[in-house]
Amino acid sequence: MARAQQIPIDGPEGVWTVVTRTSTYVIDFGEMTLLRAPGVGRTDDHRWEVSELRRDSEDIPLLDVKICRVGEPAQFWVRAADDPEVRTWRVTTPVVEIERIG
């Protein structure tokens, strides 16, 4: 649909894909969820290692997006899906592409 250089920090809407060096993320601001598809990134450099994270390929509750800009690591504030008291940062490898898909 519409490619972007960053996700707006103030009042983002819709569904977005964020492709990093090692993974692809789907952010749904209507549902406030984040999904990570590990190993579905875009890099020719084999030095980038794909990390395994809890709840990969599952929607997890998204609390906030601190930064999500092409060329920089994205920072997502999330809540553990199985424990609402646990909150953590997800920091990505550098973002390669951002697109609003819905």
PDB file of N, CA and C in Angstrom:
ATOM      1  N   MET A   1       0.829  -1.185   0.000  1.00  0.00           N
ATOM      2  CA  MET A   1       0.000   0.000   0.000  1.00  0.00           C
ATOM      3  C   MET A   1       0.878   1.255   0.000  1.00  0.00           C
ATOM      4  N   ALA A   2       1.271   1.712   1.204  1.00  0.00           N
ATOM      5  CA  ALA A   2       2.017   2.969   1.292  1.00  0.00           C
ATOM      6  C   ALA A   2       3.291   2.768   2.098  1.00  0.00           C
ATOM      7  N   ARG A   3       4.435   2.897   1.435  1.00  0.00           N
ATOM      8  CA  ARG A   3       5.714   2.803   2.144  1.00  0.00           C
ATOM      9  C   ARG A   3       5.976   4.095   2.891  1.00  0.00           C
ATOM     10  N   ALA A   4       6.735   3.965   3.974  1.00  0.00           N
ATOM     11  CA  ALA A   4       7.028   5.120   4.819  1.00  0.00           C
ATOM     12  C   ALA A   4       8.457   5.019   5.324  1.00  0.00           C
ATOM     13  N   GLN A   5       8.996   6.129   5.759  1.00  0.00           N
ATOM     14  CA  GLN A   5      10.325   6.158   6.361  1.00  0.00           C
ATOM     15  C   GLN A   5      10.262   5.885   7.855  1.00  0.00           C
ATOM     16  N   GLN A   6       9.081   6.111   8.460  1.00  0.00           N
ATOM     17  CA  GLN A   6       8.906   5.830   9.885  1.00  0.00           C
ATOM     18  C   GLN A   6       7.431   5.680  10.199  1.00  0.00           C
ATOM     19  N   ILE A   7       7.156   5.054  11.341  1.00  0.00           N
ATOM     20  CA  ILE A   7       5.787   4.985  11.837  1.00  0.00           C
ATOM     21  C   ILE A   7       5.562   6.222  12.683  1.00  0.00           C
ATOM     22  N   PRO A   8       4.478   6.955  12.428  1.00  0.00           N
ATOM     23  CA  PRO A   8       4.217   8.148  13.228  1.00  0.00           C
ATOM     24  C   PRO A   8       4.101   7.790  14.711  1.00  0.00           C
ATOM     25  N   ILE A   9       4.718   8.578  15.551  1.00  0.00           N
ATOM     26  CA  ILE A   9       4.705   8.305  16.991  1.00  0.00           C
ATOM     27  C   ILE A   9       3.399   8.785  17.625  1.00  0.00           C
ATOM     28  N   ASP A  10       2.852   9.891  17.151  1.00  0.00           N
ATOM     29  CA  ASP A  10       1.619  10.441  17.718  1.00  0.00           C
ATOM     30  C   ASP A  10       0.401   9.904  16.985  1.00  0.00           C
ATOM     31  N   GLY A  11      -0.322   9.010  17.632  1.00  0.00           N
ATOM     32  CA  GLY A  11      -1.583   8.505  17.107  1.00  0.00           C
ATOM     33  C   GLY A  11      -1.501   7.660  15.856  1.00  0.00           C
ATOM     34  N   PRO A  12      -0.578   6.693  15.786  1.00  0.00           N
ATOM     35  CA  PRO A  12      -0.536   5.847  14.595  1.00  0.00           C
ATOM     36  C   PRO A  12      -1.808   5.010  14.486  1.00  0.00           C
ATOM     37  N   GLU A  13      -2.175   4.700  13.259  1.00  0.00           N
ATOM     38  CA  GLU A  13      -3.375   3.897  13.007  1.00  0.00           C
ATOM     39  C   GLU A  13      -3.058   2.823  11.988  1.00  0.00           C
ATOM     40  N   GLY A  14      -3.943   1.843  11.904  1.00  0.00           N
ATOM     41  CA  GLY A  14      -3.853   0.840  10.865  1.00  0.00           C
ATOM     42  C   GLY A  14      -2.955  -0.320  11.189  1.00  0.00           C
ATOM     43  N   VAL A  15      -2.620  -1.059  10.133  1.00  0.00           N
ATOM     44  CA  VAL A  15      -1.763  -2.236  10.224  1.00  0.00           C
ATOM     45  C   VAL A  15      -0.522  -1.958   9.384  1.00  0.00           C
ATOM     46  N   TRP A  16       0.635  -2.268   9.945  1.00  0.00           N
ATOM     47  CA  TRP A  16       1.918  -1.977   9.319  1.00  0.00           C
ATOM     48  C   TRP A  16       2.792  -3.217   9.304  1.00  0.00           C
ATOM     49  N   THR A  17       3.640  -3.336   8.278  1.00  0.00           N
ATOM     50  CA  THR A  17       4.712  -4.321   8.295  1.00  0.00           C
ATOM     51  C   THR A  17       6.023  -3.564   8.437  1.00  0.00           C
ATOM     52  N   VAL A  18       6.906  -4.135   9.234  1.00  0.00           N
ATOM     53  CA  VAL A  18       8.230  -3.576   9.452  1.00  0.00           C
ATOM     54  C   VAL A  18       9.224  -4.691   9.167  1.00  0.00           C
ATOM     55  N   VAL A  19      10.014  -4.522   8.122  1.00  0.00           N
ATOM     56  CA  VAL A  19      11.015  -5.514   7.751  1.00  0.00           C
ATOM     57  C   VAL A  19      12.361  -5.040   8.298  1.00  0.00           C
ATOM     58  N   THR A  20      13.018  -5.911   9.058  1.00  0.00           N
ATOM     59  CA  THR A  20      14.340  -5.609   9.599  1.00  0.00           C
ATOM     60  C   THR A  20      15.358  -6.495   8.883  1.00  0.00           C
ATOM     61  N   ARG A  21      16.596  -6.410   9.332  1.00  0.00           N
ATOM     62  CA  ARG A  21      17.644  -7.245   8.733  1.00  0.00           C
ATOM     63  C   ARG A  21      17.360  -8.734   8.907  1.00  0.00           C
ATOM     64  N   THR A  22      16.682  -9.102  10.001  1.00  0.00           N
ATOM     65  CA  THR A  22      16.526 -10.525  10.304  1.00  0.00           C
ATOM     66  C   THR A  22      15.092 -11.002  10.468  1.00  0.00           C
ATOM     67  N   SER A  23      14.124 -10.096  10.534  1.00  0.00           N
ATOM     68  CA  SER A  23      12.746 -10.509  10.809  1.00  0.00           C
ATOM     69  C   SER A  23      11.751  -9.546  10.166  1.00  0.00           C
ATOM     70  N   THR A  24      10.502  -9.953  10.158  1.00  0.00           N
ATOM     71  CA  THR A  24       9.412  -9.076   9.752  1.00  0.00           C
ATOM     72  C   THR A  24       8.424  -9.001  10.907  1.00  0.00           C
ATOM     73  N   TYR A  25       7.965  -7.789  11.181  1.00  0.00           N
ATOM     74  CA  TYR A  25       6.990  -7.542  12.240  1.00  0.00           C
ATOM     75  C   TYR A  25       5.693  -7.055  11.617  1.00  0.00           C
ATOM     76  N   VAL A  26       4.571  -7.460  12.209  1.00  0.00           N
ATOM     77  CA  VAL A  26       3.266  -6.930  11.827  1.00  0.00           C
ATOM     78  C   VAL A  26       2.711  -6.229  13.059  1.00  0.00           C
ATOM     79  N   ILE A  27       2.429  -4.938  12.901  1.00  0.00           N
ATOM     80  CA  ILE A  27       1.887  -4.129  13.998  1.00  0.00           C
ATOM     81  C   ILE A  27       0.457  -3.775  13.653  1.00  0.00           C
ATOM     82  N   ASP A  28      -0.472  -4.106  14.549  1.00  0.00           N
ATOM     83  CA  ASP A  28      -1.880  -3.764  14.374  1.00  0.00           C
ATOM     84  C   ASP A  28      -2.259  -2.775  15.468  1.00  0.00           C
ATOM     85  N   PHE A  29      -2.403  -1.496  15.088  1.00  0.00           N
ATOM     86  CA  PHE A  29      -2.719  -0.472  16.080  1.00  0.00           C
ATOM     87  C   PHE A  29      -4.181  -0.505  16.515  1.00  0.00           C
ATOM     88  N   GLY A  30      -5.055  -1.112  15.725  1.00  0.00           N
ATOM     89  CA  GLY A  30      -6.450  -1.284  16.145  1.00  0.00           C
ATOM     90  C   GLY A  30      -6.563  -2.278  17.287  1.00  0.00           C
ATOM     91  N   GLU A  31      -5.842  -3.376  17.162  1.00  0.00           N
ATOM     92  CA  GLU A  31      -5.838  -4.429  18.187  1.00  0.00           C
ATOM     93  C   GLU A  31      -4.726  -4.233  19.207  1.00  0.00           C
ATOM     94  N   MET A  32      -3.770  -3.335  18.893  1.00  0.00           N
ATOM     95  CA  MET A  32      -2.584  -3.104  19.727  1.00  0.00           C
ATOM     96  C   MET A  32      -1.827  -4.410  19.969  1.00  0.00           C
ATOM     97  N   THR A  33      -1.432  -5.033  18.821  1.00  0.00           N
ATOM     98  CA  THR A  33      -0.660  -6.266  18.878  1.00  0.00           C
ATOM     99  C   THR A  33       0.583  -6.142  17.993  1.00  0.00           C
ATOM    100  N   LEU A  34       1.562  -6.979  18.322  1.00  0.00           N
ATOM    101  CA  LEU A  34       2.812  -7.071  17.573  1.00  0.00           C
ATOM    102  C   LEU A  34       3.083  -8.542  17.296  1.00  0.00           C
ATOM    103  N   LEU A  35       3.389  -8.867  16.053  1.00  0.00           N
ATOM    104  CA  LEU A  35       3.739 -10.230  15.676  1.00  0.00           C
ATOM    105  C   LEU A  35       5.109 -10.195  15.021  1.00  0.00           C
ATOM    106  N   ARG A  36       5.975 -11.109  15.401  1.00  0.00           N
ATOM    107  CA  ARG A  36       7.322 -11.197  14.821  1.00  0.00           C
ATOM    108  C   ARG A  36       7.476 -12.507  14.072  1.00  0.00           C
ATOM    109  N   ALA A  37       7.875 -12.400  12.805  1.00  0.00           N
ATOM    110  CA  ALA A  37       8.193 -13.576  11.992  1.00  0.00           C
ATOM    111  C   ALA A  37       9.718 -13.628  11.863  1.00  0.00           C
ATOM    112  N   PRO A  38      10.384 -14.432  12.691  1.00  0.00           N
ATOM    113  CA  PRO A  38      11.852 -14.470  12.666  1.00  0.00           C
ATOM    114  C   PRO A  38      12.380 -15.107  11.394  1.00  0.00           C
ATOM    115  N   GLY A  39      13.508 -14.602  10.934  1.00  0.00           N
ATOM    116  CA  GLY A  39      14.146 -15.169   9.759  1.00  0.00           C
ATOM    117  C   GLY A  39      13.558 -14.696   8.448  1.00  0.00           C
ATOM    118  N   VAL A  40      12.576 -13.807   8.508  1.00  0.00           N
ATOM    119  CA  VAL A  40      11.940 -13.277   7.305  1.00  0.00           C
ATOM    120  C   VAL A  40      12.340 -11.815   7.182  1.00  0.00           C
ATOM    121  N   GLY A  41      13.641 -11.598   7.106  1.00  0.00           N
ATOM    122  CA  GLY A  41      14.170 -10.249   6.992  1.00  0.00           C
ATOM    123  C   GLY A  41      14.825 -10.046   5.649  1.00  0.00           C
ATOM    124  N   ARG A  42      15.584  -8.960   5.545  1.00  0.00           N
ATOM    125  CA  ARG A  42      16.203  -8.648   4.271  1.00  0.00           C
ATOM    126  C   ARG A  42      17.647  -8.218   4.487  1.00  0.00           C
ATOM    127  N   THR A  43      18.553  -9.171   4.314  1.00  0.00           N
ATOM    128  CA  THR A  43      19.972  -8.847   4.413  1.00  0.00           C
ATOM    129  C   THR A  43      20.780  -9.807   3.560  1.00  0.00           C
ATOM    130  N   ASP A  44      21.861  -9.307   3.017  1.00  0.00           N
ATOM    131  CA  ASP A  44      22.803 -10.154   2.293  1.00  0.00           C
ATOM    132  C   ASP A  44      24.006 -10.492   3.162  1.00  0.00           C
ATOM    133  N   ASP A  45      24.045  -9.915   4.341  1.00  0.00           N
ATOM    134  CA  ASP A  45      25.177 -10.069   5.253  1.00  0.00           C
ATOM    135  C   ASP A  45      24.878 -11.200   6.231  1.00  0.00           C
ATOM    136  N   HIS A  46      25.613 -12.276   6.134  1.00  0.00           N
ATOM    137  CA  HIS A  46      25.356 -13.459   6.963  1.00  0.00           C
ATOM    138  C   HIS A  46      25.837 -13.303   8.404  1.00  0.00           C
ATOM    139  N   ARG A  47      26.410 -12.145   8.725  1.00  0.00           N
ATOM    140  CA  ARG A  47      26.822 -11.905  10.109  1.00  0.00           C
ATOM    141  C   ARG A  47      25.630 -11.603  11.006  1.00  0.00           C
ATOM    142  N   TRP A  48      24.491 -11.261  10.415  1.00  0.00           N
ATOM    143  CA  TRP A  48      23.297 -11.003  11.215  1.00  0.00           C
ATOM    144  C   TRP A  48      22.680 -12.341  11.610  1.00  0.00           C
ATOM    145  N   GLU A  49      22.617 -12.586  12.892  1.00  0.00           N
ATOM    146  CA  GLU A  49      22.069 -13.833  13.412  1.00  0.00           C
ATOM    147  C   GLU A  49      20.618 -13.635  13.820  1.00  0.00           C
ATOM    148  N   VAL A  50      19.780 -14.601  13.523  1.00  0.00           N
ATOM    149  CA  VAL A  50      18.374 -14.537  13.889  1.00  0.00           C
ATOM    150  C   VAL A  50      18.215 -15.087  15.303  1.00  0.00           C
ATOM    151  N   SER A  51      17.735 -14.259  16.198  1.00  0.00           N
ATOM    152  CA  SER A  51      17.495 -14.684  17.576  1.00  0.00           C
ATOM    153  C   SER A  51      16.111 -15.303  17.697  1.00  0.00           C
ATOM    154  N   GLU A  52      15.985 -16.271  18.573  1.00  0.00           N
ATOM    155  CA  GLU A  52      14.673 -16.834  18.890  1.00  0.00           C
ATOM    156  C   GLU A  52      14.149 -16.123  20.124  1.00  0.00           C
ATOM    157  N   LEU A  53      12.922 -15.621  20.030  1.00  0.00           N
ATOM    158  CA  LEU A  53      12.290 -14.927  21.142  1.00  0.00           C
ATOM    159  C   LEU A  53      11.003 -15.641  21.542  1.00  0.00           C
ATOM    160  N   ARG A  54      10.659 -15.503  22.812  1.00  0.00           N
ATOM    161  CA  ARG A  54       9.390 -16.080  23.273  1.00  0.00           C
ATOM    162  C   ARG A  54       8.249 -15.488  22.468  1.00  0.00           C
ATOM    163  N   ARG A  55       7.291 -16.295  22.162  1.00  0.00           N
ATOM    164  CA  ARG A  55       6.071 -15.885  21.460  1.00  0.00           C
ATOM    165  C   ARG A  55       6.310 -15.444  20.016  1.00  0.00           C
ATOM    166  N   ASP A  56       7.422 -15.902  19.409  1.00  0.00           N
ATOM    167  CA  ASP A  56       7.621 -15.639  17.990  1.00  0.00           C
ATOM    168  C   ASP A  56       6.429 -16.191  17.211  1.00  0.00           C
ATOM    169  N   SER A  57       6.043 -15.496  16.165  1.00  0.00           N
ATOM    170  CA  SER A  57       4.941 -15.874  15.277  1.00  0.00           C
ATOM    171  C   SER A  57       3.593 -15.904  15.976  1.00  0.00           C
ATOM    172  N   GLU A  58       3.488 -15.192  17.103  1.00  0.00           N
ATOM    173  CA  GLU A  58       2.210 -15.041  17.821  1.00  0.00           C
ATOM    174  C   GLU A  58       1.972 -13.563  18.084  1.00  0.00           C
ATOM    175  N   ASP A  59       0.712 -13.165  18.095  1.00  0.00           N
ATOM    176  CA  ASP A  59       0.384 -11.798  18.484  1.00  0.00           C
ATOM    177  C   ASP A  59       0.651 -11.609  19.969  1.00  0.00           C
ATOM    178  N   ILE A  60       1.387 -10.549  20.298  1.00  0.00           N
ATOM    179  CA  ILE A  60       1.590 -10.194  21.704  1.00  0.00           C
ATOM    180  C   ILE A  60       1.074  -8.774  21.911  1.00  0.00           C
ATOM    181  N   PRO A  61       0.652  -8.454  23.129  1.00  0.00           N
ATOM    182  CA  PRO A  61       0.109  -7.116  23.394  1.00  0.00           C
ATOM    183  C   PRO A  61       1.175  -6.026  23.224  1.00  0.00           C
ATOM    184  N   LEU A  62       0.856  -5.033  22.406  1.00  0.00           N
ATOM    185  CA  LEU A  62       1.732  -3.894  22.166  1.00  0.00           C
ATOM    186  C   LEU A  62       1.277  -2.733  23.041  1.00  0.00           C
ATOM    187  N   LEU A  63       2.204  -2.175  23.804  1.00  0.00           N
ATOM    188  CA  LEU A  63       1.891  -1.033  24.652  1.00  0.00           C
ATOM    189  C   LEU A  63       2.281   0.292  24.009  1.00  0.00           C
ATOM    190  N   ASP A  64       3.411   0.297  23.270  1.00  0.00           N
ATOM    191  CA  ASP A  64       3.885   1.547  22.681  1.00  0.00           C
ATOM    192  C   ASP A  64       4.976   1.258  21.653  1.00  0.00           C
ATOM    193  N   VAL A  65       5.134   2.186  20.734  1.00  0.00           N
ATOM    194  CA  VAL A  65       6.259   2.175  19.799  1.00  0.00           C
ATOM    195  C   VAL A  65       7.081   3.400  20.123  1.00  0.00           C
ATOM    196  N   LYS A  66       8.301   3.181  20.622  1.00  0.00           N
ATOM    197  CA  LYS A  66       9.156   4.324  20.964  1.00  0.00           C
ATOM    198  C   LYS A  66       9.757   4.923  19.704  1.00  0.00           C
ATOM    199  N   ILE A  67      10.286   4.058  18.840  1.00  0.00           N
ATOM    200  CA  ILE A  67      10.853   4.513  17.573  1.00  0.00           C
ATOM    201  C   ILE A  67      10.751   3.378  16.568  1.00  0.00           C
ATOM    202  N   CYS A  68      10.426   3.742  15.330  1.00  0.00           N
ATOM    203  CA  CYS A  68      10.417   2.775  14.239  1.00  0.00           C
ATOM    204  C   CYS A  68      10.690   3.566  12.971  1.00  0.00           C
ATOM    205  N   ARG A  69      11.975   3.587  12.577  1.00  0.00           N
ATOM    206  CA  ARG A  69      12.432   4.413  11.463  1.00  0.00           C
ATOM    207  C   ARG A  69      13.422   3.605  10.620  1.00  0.00           C
ATOM    208  N   VAL A  70      13.312   3.709   9.297  1.00  0.00           N
ATOM    209  CA  VAL A  70      14.227   3.012   8.387  1.00  0.00           C
ATOM    210  C   VAL A  70      15.664   3.415   8.714  1.00  0.00           C
ATOM    211  N   GLY A  71      16.530   2.408   8.801  1.00  0.00           N
ATOM    212  CA  GLY A  71      17.948   2.626   9.065  1.00  0.00           C
ATOM    213  C   GLY A  71      18.346   2.529  10.518  1.00  0.00           C
ATOM    214  N   GLU A  72      17.361   2.439  11.423  1.00  0.00           N
ATOM    215  CA  GLU A  72      17.634   2.355  12.858  1.00  0.00           C
ATOM    216  C   GLU A  72      16.913   1.145  13.455  1.00  0.00           C
ATOM    217  N   PRO A  73      17.408   0.629  14.577  1.00  0.00           N
ATOM    218  CA  PRO A  73      16.644  -0.413  15.266  1.00  0.00           C
ATOM    219  C   PRO A  73      15.320   0.156  15.784  1.00  0.00           C
ATOM    220  N   ALA A  74      14.254  -0.609  15.649  1.00  0.00           N
ATOM    221  CA  ALA A  74      12.958  -0.212  16.209  1.00  0.00           C
ATOM    222  C   ALA A  74      12.919  -0.615  17.679  1.00  0.00           C
ATOM    223  N   GLN A  75      12.104   0.102  18.451  1.00  0.00           N
ATOM    224  CA  GLN A  75      11.920  -0.213  19.866  1.00  0.00           C
ATOM    225  C   GLN A  75      10.431  -0.301  20.164  1.00  0.00           C
ATOM    226  N   PHE A  76       9.996  -1.494  20.583  1.00  0.00           N
ATOM    227  CA  PHE A  76       8.595  -1.757  20.891  1.00  0.00           C
ATOM    228  C   PHE A  76       8.457  -2.099  22.376  1.00  0.00           C
ATOM    229  N   TRP A  77       7.504  -1.485  23.052  1.00  0.00           N
ATOM    230  CA  TRP A  77       7.198  -1.762  24.451  1.00  0.00           C
ATOM    231  C   TRP A  77       6.030  -2.733  24.438  1.00  0.00           C
ATOM    232  N   VAL A  78       6.240  -3.953  24.959  1.00  0.00           N
ATOM    233  CA  VAL A  78       5.233  -5.010  24.888  1.00  0.00           C
ATOM    234  C   VAL A  78       4.949  -5.595  26.268  1.00  0.00           C
ATOM    235  N   ARG A  79       3.813  -6.272  26.338  1.00  0.00           N
ATOM    236  CA  ARG A  79       3.429  -6.978  27.564  1.00  0.00           C
ATOM    237  C   ARG A  79       3.444  -8.470  27.255  1.00  0.00           C
ATOM    238  N   ALA A  80       3.864  -9.249  28.197  1.00  0.00           N
ATOM    239  CA  ALA A  80       3.867 -10.701  28.020  1.00  0.00           C
ATOM    240  C   ALA A  80       2.429 -11.188  27.834  1.00  0.00           C
ATOM    241  N   ALA A  81       2.221 -12.025  26.843  1.00  0.00           N
ATOM    242  CA  ALA A  81       0.870 -12.510  26.537  1.00  0.00           C
ATOM    243  C   ALA A  81       0.298 -13.355  27.666  1.00  0.00           C
ATOM    244  N   ASP A  82       1.169 -14.045  28.406  1.00  0.00           N
ATOM    245  CA  ASP A  82       0.691 -14.944  29.449  1.00  0.00           C
ATOM    246  C   ASP A  82       0.760 -14.349  30.854  1.00  0.00           C
ATOM    247  N   ASP A  83       1.289 -13.130  30.997  1.00  0.00           N
ATOM    248  CA  ASP A  83       1.382 -12.484  32.308  1.00  0.00           C
ATOM    249  C   ASP A  83       1.282 -10.970  32.131  1.00  0.00           C
ATOM    250  N   PRO A  84       0.118 -10.386  32.398  1.00  0.00           N
ATOM    251  CA  PRO A  84      -0.085  -8.951  32.171  1.00  0.00           C
ATOM    252  C   PRO A  84       0.799  -8.046  33.021  1.00  0.00           C
ATOM    253  N   GLU A  85       1.446  -8.581  34.046  1.00  0.00           N
ATOM    254  CA  GLU A  85       2.327  -7.778  34.888  1.00  0.00           C
ATOM    255  C   GLU A  85       3.733  -7.639  34.308  1.00  0.00           C
ATOM    256  N   VAL A  86       4.077  -8.500  33.355  1.00  0.00           N
ATOM    257  CA  VAL A  86       5.424  -8.488  32.778  1.00  0.00           C
ATOM    258  C   VAL A  86       5.433  -7.615  31.523  1.00  0.00           C
ATOM    259  N   ARG A  87       6.298  -6.615  31.537  1.00  0.00           N
ATOM    260  CA  ARG A  87       6.482  -5.726  30.391  1.00  0.00           C
ATOM    261  C   ARG A  87       7.956  -5.715  30.016  1.00  0.00           C
ATOM    262  N   THR A  88       8.224  -5.560  28.726  1.00  0.00           N
ATOM    263  CA  THR A  88       9.607  -5.592  28.267  1.00  0.00           C
ATOM    264  C   THR A  88       9.746  -4.829  26.960  1.00  0.00           C
ATOM    265  N   TRP A  89      10.987  -4.474  26.626  1.00  0.00           N
ATOM    266  CA  TRP A  89      11.289  -3.835  25.353  1.00  0.00           C
ATOM    267  C   TRP A  89      11.672  -4.899  24.351  1.00  0.00           C
ATOM    268  N   ARG A  90      11.220  -4.739  23.121  1.00  0.00           N
ATOM    269  CA  ARG A  90      11.724  -5.519  21.993  1.00  0.00           C
ATOM    270  C   ARG A  90      12.499  -4.535  21.132  1.00  0.00           C
ATOM    271  N   VAL A  91      13.783  -4.759  20.977  1.00  0.00           N
ATOM    272  CA  VAL A  91      14.633  -3.908  20.151  1.00  0.00           C
ATOM    273  C   VAL A  91      15.074  -4.755  18.962  1.00  0.00           C
ATOM    274  N   THR A  92      14.856  -4.248  17.761  1.00  0.00           N
ATOM    275  CA  THR A  92      15.092  -5.017  16.546  1.00  0.00           C
ATOM    276  C   THR A  92      16.484  -4.761  15.969  1.00  0.00           C
ATOM    277  N   THR A  93      16.818  -5.527  14.966  1.00  0.00           N
ATOM    278  CA  THR A  93      17.948  -5.191  14.116  1.00  0.00           C
ATOM    279  C   THR A  93      17.510  -3.993  13.261  1.00  0.00           C
ATOM    280  N   PRO A  94      18.417  -3.341  12.542  1.00  0.00           N
ATOM    281  CA  PRO A  94      18.028  -2.151  11.779  1.00  0.00           C
ATOM    282  C   PRO A  94      16.850  -2.395  10.828  1.00  0.00           C
ATOM    283  N   VAL A  95      15.956  -1.428  10.787  1.00  0.00           N
ATOM    284  CA  VAL A  95      14.768  -1.489   9.935  1.00  0.00           C
ATOM    285  C   VAL A  95      15.181  -1.212   8.489  1.00  0.00           C
ATOM    286  N   VAL A  96      14.680  -2.044   7.583  1.00  0.00           N
ATOM    287  CA  VAL A  96      14.978  -1.930   6.161  1.00  0.00           C
ATOM    288  C   VAL A  96      13.804  -1.312   5.402  1.00  0.00           C
ATOM    289  N   GLU A  97      12.580  -1.654   5.831  1.00  0.00           N
ATOM    290  CA  GLU A  97      11.393  -1.201   5.098  1.00  0.00           C
ATOM    291  C   GLU A  97      10.194  -1.119   6.035  1.00  0.00           C
ATOM    292  N   ILE A  98       9.377  -0.095   5.834  1.00  0.00           N
ATOM    293  CA  ILE A  98       8.133   0.091   6.597  1.00  0.00           C
ATOM    294  C   ILE A  98       7.016   0.307   5.583  1.00  0.00           C
ATOM    295  N   GLU A  99       5.903  -0.395   5.775  1.00  0.00           N
ATOM    296  CA  GLU A  99       4.781  -0.215   4.866  1.00  0.00           C
ATOM    297  C   GLU A  99       3.463  -0.330   5.620  1.00  0.00           C
ATOM    298  N   ARG A 100       2.572   0.624   5.368  1.00  0.00           N
ATOM    299  CA  ARG A 100       1.218   0.514   5.920  1.00  0.00           C
ATOM    300  C   ARG A 100       0.414  -0.359   4.978  1.00  0.00           C
ATOM    301  N   ILE A 101      -0.169  -1.434   5.533  1.00  0.00           N
ATOM    302  CA  ILE A 101      -0.891  -2.403   4.697  1.00  0.00           C
ATOM    303  C   ILE A 101      -2.387  -2.403   4.974  1.00  0.00           C
ATOM    304  N   GLY A 102      -2.815  -1.641   5.932  1.00  0.00           N
ATOM    305  CA  GLY A 102      -4.246  -1.605   6.230  1.00  0.00           C
ATOM    306  C   GLY A 102      -4.606  -0.475   7.150  1.00  0.00           C
TER     307      GLY A 102
END
